[in-house]
C-alpha atoms as a PDB file:
ATOM      1  CA  MET A   1     -38.395 -50.840  26.520  1.00  0.00           C
ATOM      2  CA  TYR A   2     -35.511 -51.008  28.894  1.00  0.00           C
ATOM      3  CA  GLN A   3     -34.640 -53.440  31.410  1.00  0.00           C
ATOM      4  CA  PRO A   4     -33.095 -52.427  34.861  1.00  0.00           C
ATOM      5  CA  LEU A   5     -31.283 -55.526  35.220  1.00  0.00           C
ATOM      6  CA  ALA A   6     -29.080 -54.141  38.433  1.00  0.00           C
ATOM      7  CA  TYR A   7     -32.688 -53.318  40.063  1.00  0.00           C
ATOM      8  CA  LYS A   8     -33.437 -56.647  39.463  1.00  0.00           C
ATOM      9  CA  VAL A   9     -30.580 -57.965  41.015  1.00  0.00           C
ATOM     10  CA  MET A  10     -30.505 -55.702  43.944  1.00  0.00           C
ATOM     11  CA  GLU A  11     -35.048 -56.522  44.660  1.00  0.00           C
ATOM     12  CA  LYS A  12     -33.305 -60.302  45.543  1.00  0.00           C
ATOM     13  CA  PHE A  13     -30.507 -59.819  47.872  1.00  0.00           C
ATOM     14  CA  LEU A  14     -33.066 -57.643  49.774  1.00  0.00           C
ATOM     15  CA  LYS A  15     -35.174 -60.213  50.065  1.00  0.00           C
ATOM     16  CA  VAL A  16     -32.946 -62.912  51.620  1.00  0.00           C
ATOM     17  CA  GLY A  17     -32.153 -60.190  54.053  1.00  0.00           C
ATOM     18  CA  PHE A  18     -29.318 -58.129  52.762  1.00  0.00           C
ATOM     19  CA  LYS A  19     -29.928 -54.753  53.588  1.00  0.00           C
ATOM     20  CA  LEU A  20     -28.732 -52.239  50.966  1.00  0.00           C
ATOM     21  CA  LYS A  21     -25.947 -48.966  52.602  1.00  0.00           C
ATOM     22  CA  GLU A  22     -25.243 -47.596  49.207  1.00  0.00           C
ATOM     23  CA  ASP A  23     -25.676 -47.247  45.280  1.00  0.00           C
ATOM     24  CA  ILE A  24     -22.707 -45.814  43.997  1.00  0.00           C
ATOM     25  CA  ILE A  25     -23.395 -45.261  40.079  1.00  0.00           C
ATOM     26  CA  LYS A  26     -20.235 -45.395  38.182  1.00  0.00           C
ATOM     27  CA  LYS A  27     -20.122 -43.156  34.560  1.00  0.00           C
ATOM     28  CA  GLN A  28     -18.629 -45.582  32.034  1.00  0.00           C
ATOM     29  CA  PHE A  29     -15.706 -43.512  30.206  1.00  0.00           C
ATOM     30  CA  ASN A  30     -13.976 -44.441  27.113  1.00  0.00           C
ATOM     31  CA  CYS A  31     -18.063 -44.934  25.222  1.00  0.00           C
ATOM     32  CA  THR A  32     -18.800 -42.798  22.995  1.00  0.00           C
ATOM     33  CA  ALA A  33     -21.871 -42.711  20.753  1.00  0.00           C
ATOM     34  CA  THR A  34     -20.143 -43.009  17.478  1.00  0.00           C
ATOM     35  CA  GLY A  35     -22.108 -42.572  14.210  1.00  0.00           C
ATOM     36  CA  PHE A  36     -21.559 -46.485  13.872  1.00  0.00           C
ATOM     37  CA  TRP A  37     -23.394 -47.049  17.103  1.00  0.00           C
ATOM     38  CA  VAL A  38     -25.851 -44.484  17.374  1.00  0.00           C
ATOM     39  CA  LYS A  39     -26.967 -45.688  13.642  1.00  0.00           C
ATOM     40  CA  LYS A  40     -27.134 -50.196  15.328  1.00  0.00           C
ATOM     41  CA  SER A  41     -28.793 -48.714  18.274  1.00  0.00           C
ATOM     42  CA  LYS A  42     -31.622 -47.204  15.855  1.00  0.00           C
ATOM     43  CA  ASP A  43     -31.502 -49.667  13.122  1.00  0.00           C
ATOM     44  CA  LEU A  44     -31.465 -53.271  16.119  1.00  0.00           C
ATOM     45  CA  ASN A  45     -33.735 -50.811  18.805  1.00  0.00           C
ATOM     46  CA  PHE A  46     -31.388 -50.979  21.790  1.00  0.00           C
ATOM     47  CA  LEU A  47     -30.368 -48.152  23.871  1.00  0.00           C
ATOM     48  CA  LEU A  48     -27.092 -46.810  24.516  1.00  0.00           C
ATOM     49  CA  ILE A  49     -26.146 -46.944  28.361  1.00  0.00           C
ATOM     50  CA  MET A  50     -23.696 -45.429  29.806  1.00  0.00           C
ATOM     51  CA  HIS A  51     -23.230 -46.179  33.755  1.00  0.00           C
ATOM     52  CA  GLU A  52     -23.278 -49.246  35.760  1.00  0.00           C
ATOM     53  CA  HIS A  53     -24.214 -49.699  39.299  1.00  0.00           C
ATOM     54  CA  LEU A  54     -22.189 -50.871  41.962  1.00  0.00           C
ATOM     55  CA  PHE A  55     -24.355 -52.122  44.965  1.00  0.00           C
ATOM     56  CA  VAL A  56     -23.361 -52.361  48.511  1.00  0.00           C
ATOM     57  CA  PHE A  57     -25.209 -54.420  50.992  1.00  0.00           C
ATOM     58  CA  GLN A  58     -24.233 -55.499  54.424  1.00  0.00           C
ATOM     59  CA  LYS A  59     -25.759 -59.171  55.829  1.00  0.00           C
END
């Protein structure tokens, strides 16, 4: 199961009055899915996520 923590954080900011101006999605470089990590992700049941969000808010 994937928990979108970035969007949960964004929701908290919106609830207290901030306005979302932009959602910048940054691709993670140097995140290679080597055989080691592919095996670990399957064994431990987690996803290899290769991006992150930068939210720009205005109060």
